[in-house]
Protein backbone atom coordinates (compact mmCIF):
# COMPACT_ATOMS: atom_id res chain seq x y z
CA MET A 1 97.18 262.33 4.97
CA ARG A 2 98.40 265.98 3.92
CA SER A 3 96.62 268.24 1.77
CA SER A 4 98.25 269.66 -1.61
CA ALA A 5 99.78 272.42 1.25
CA ALA A 6 102.13 270.61 3.03
CA SER A 7 101.74 272.59 6.10
CA GLU A 8 97.96 272.43 5.70
CA VAL A 9 95.95 269.39 7.33
CA ASP A 10 93.47 267.74 6.31
CA LYS A 11 89.80 268.28 8.41
CA ARG A 12 86.75 265.91 8.86
CA GLN A 13 83.63 267.23 9.26
CA ASP A 14 80.58 265.86 9.99
CA CYS A 15 76.87 267.61 10.74
CA GLU A 16 73.75 266.60 12.46
CA MET A 17 70.62 268.50 11.62
CA VAL A 18 67.30 268.98 12.65
CA GLY A 19 64.08 269.35 10.95
CA THR A 20 61.87 272.83 10.89
CA GLY A 21 59.01 273.63 8.75
CA ILE A 22 55.67 271.40 8.45
CA ASP A 23 56.58 267.78 8.99
CA GLY A 24 60.21 269.04 9.96
CA GLU A 25 61.15 268.69 6.16
CA LYS A 26 63.85 271.56 6.08
CA SER A 27 66.80 270.89 7.38
CA VAL A 28 68.88 273.09 9.79
CA LEU A 29 72.37 272.76 11.23
CA ALA A 30 72.20 271.16 14.72
CA GLN A 31 75.29 270.40 15.90
CA VAL A 32 78.41 270.38 13.91
CA SER A 33 82.09 268.09 14.39
CA VAL A 34 85.50 268.32 12.89
CA VAL A 35 88.33 265.87 13.66
CA ASN A 36 91.95 265.88 11.90
CA GLU A 37 93.59 263.80 10.28
CA SER A 38 94.35 261.78 13.23
CA GLY A 39 90.78 261.22 14.16
CA ASN A 40 91.11 263.93 17.09
CA VAL A 41 87.80 266.60 17.44
CA VAL A 42 89.33 270.14 16.80
CA TYR A 43 86.05 271.41 17.17
CA THR A 44 82.61 270.74 18.03
CA SER A 45 79.56 272.51 18.76
CA TYR A 46 75.46 272.62 18.55
CA ALA A 47 74.21 275.44 16.97
CA SER A 48 70.82 277.31 17.74
CA THR A 49 68.49 278.10 14.68
CA THR A 50 65.58 281.37 14.70
CA LYS A 51 63.40 278.95 12.99
CA LYS A 52 61.12 276.55 15.04
CA VAL A 53 62.09 273.16 15.23
CA THR A 54 59.37 270.67 14.35
CA ASP A 55 61.30 267.70 14.33
CA TYR A 56 64.71 267.12 16.42
CA ARG A 57 65.27 263.78 14.54
CA THR A 58 66.55 262.24 18.12
CA PHE A 59 66.48 258.72 16.82
CA VAL A 60 68.89 259.62 14.07
CA SER A 61 70.33 262.97 15.30
CA GLY A 62 70.83 262.22 19.15
CA ILE A 63 69.40 266.22 19.42
CA THR A 64 66.85 266.87 21.63
CA PRO A 65 65.94 270.53 22.85
CA LYS A 66 68.19 270.59 25.52
CA HIS A 67 70.96 270.14 23.33
CA MET A 68 69.90 273.54 21.38
CA ALA A 69 68.78 275.48 24.46
CA GLY A 70 71.47 277.94 24.94
CA ALA A 71 73.72 276.82 21.63
CA PRO A 72 75.81 279.31 20.22
CA ARG A 73 74.34 281.18 17.26
CA PHE A 74 74.15 279.69 13.62
CA GLU A 75 76.60 282.72 12.56
CA SER A 76 79.04 281.99 15.08
CA VAL A 77 79.12 278.66 14.53
CA GLN A 78 79.25 278.88 10.97
CA ASP A 79 82.15 281.28 10.94
CA GLU A 80 84.18 278.68 13.01
CA VAL A 81 83.91 275.68 10.80
CA ARG A 82 84.57 278.38 7.73
CA LYS A 83 88.27 279.67 9.56
CA ILE A 84 88.70 276.16 10.37
CA ILE A 85 88.31 273.90 6.77
CA ALA A 86 89.79 277.32 5.04
CA GLY A 87 92.50 276.47 2.70
CA ARG A 88 92.42 272.74 3.81
CA ILE A 89 91.43 269.49 2.14
CA VAL A 90 87.58 268.41 3.76
CA ILE A 91 87.08 264.94 4.11
CA GLY A 92 83.50 263.52 4.12
CA HIS A 93 80.20 261.35 3.51
CA ALA A 94 77.91 263.05 1.14
CA LEU A 95 79.27 266.54 1.72
CA GLU A 96 76.81 268.43 0.04
CA ASN A 97 74.53 268.23 2.86
CA ASP A 98 76.72 269.03 5.40
CA PHE A 99 77.90 271.94 3.18
CA GLU A 100 74.35 273.31 2.78
CA ALA A 101 73.60 272.83 6.48
CA LEU A 102 76.32 275.31 7.02
CA GLN A 103 75.71 277.41 4.19
CA LEU A 104 79.36 277.24 2.61
CA LYS A 105 80.91 276.64 -0.07
CA HIS A 106 84.29 275.04 -0.32
CA PRO A 107 86.37 274.26 -3.31
CA VAL A 108 85.76 270.94 -5.34
CA CYS A 109 89.36 270.47 -5.28
CA ASP A 110 89.61 270.44 -1.60
CA THR A 111 86.95 268.04 -1.30
CA ARG A 112 87.24 264.17 -1.35
CA ASP A 113 83.72 262.65 -0.78
CA THR A 114 83.20 258.89 0.12
CA ALA A 115 79.00 258.83 -1.34
CA HIS A 116 81.01 259.99 -4.60
CA TRP A 117 84.44 258.12 -4.93
CA ARG A 118 83.85 255.32 -7.55
CA PRO A 119 84.91 252.23 -5.69
CA PHE A 120 82.43 253.02 -2.74
CA LEU A 121 79.73 253.29 -5.49
CA ARG A 122 77.13 250.58 -5.92
CA MET A 123 76.89 249.65 -9.25
CA GLY A 124 78.79 252.71 -10.18
CA ARG A 125 76.25 254.90 -9.47
CA PHE A 126 74.86 255.40 -5.88
CA SER A 127 76.37 255.79 -2.75
CA LYS A 128 76.47 253.11 -0.35
CA ARG A 129 75.76 254.08 3.42
CA LEU A 130 78.70 255.16 5.26
CA LYS A 131 77.70 252.88 8.11
CA HIS A 132 77.71 249.98 5.33
CA LEU A 133 81.35 251.15 4.16
CA ALA A 134 82.53 251.67 7.49
CA ARG A 135 81.73 248.04 8.32
CA ASP A 136 82.46 246.63 4.91
CA HIS A 137 86.19 248.26 4.74
CA LEU A 138 87.02 248.95 8.37
CA GLY A 139 85.45 246.68 9.90
CA LEU A 140 83.72 249.42 12.14
CA LYS A 141 80.11 249.33 13.64
CA ILE A 142 78.68 253.05 13.80
CA GLN A 143 75.57 254.25 14.02
CA GLY A 144 74.46 251.83 16.07
CA GLY A 145 71.55 254.36 17.44
CA ALA A 146 71.92 257.68 17.37
CA HIS A 147 74.75 259.34 15.08
CA ASP A 148 77.97 261.26 16.61
CA PRO A 149 79.02 263.13 14.04
CA ALA A 150 82.72 263.15 15.32
CA GLU A 151 82.47 259.17 14.81
CA ASP A 152 80.83 259.46 11.56
CA ALA A 153 84.20 262.05 10.63
CA ARG A 154 86.59 259.63 12.04
CA ALA A 155 85.18 256.41 9.81
CA ALA A 156 84.87 258.95 6.85
CA MET A 157 88.97 259.72 6.97
CA TYR A 158 89.61 256.63 7.76
CA LEU A 159 87.91 255.38 4.73
């Protein structure tokens, strides 16, 4: 795949979040991975938070306290991702969640979201899970346990 600028390469990102606040309801960034059009990881990092983590969501995220201990500051991770995706087409699944966790905005014209692509929608309105899209369209089994953001990023890229 190529972006609108021939020299720019598509990027796919995926994030894992942990919960803060009462019952861990507020999602904050814990890990991000960015892969290129070939599925190779070009950036991956955990991110620390200044808020108290009340739910690591380990069963889904795979994140434990040891992953976030000593992790780079959120602002540093955010800045790295901002630089990597600037001027590039970003492909993902439910990207609004990733961009919210990263506290970044990206031009809609440079965003391709498998959760909102009409042929992938159930009854034309509701998003299928990435896990099911990968199985049904690619024959891939992903998310068998804790999510791997690089694996999820690759699946969205391949879709």
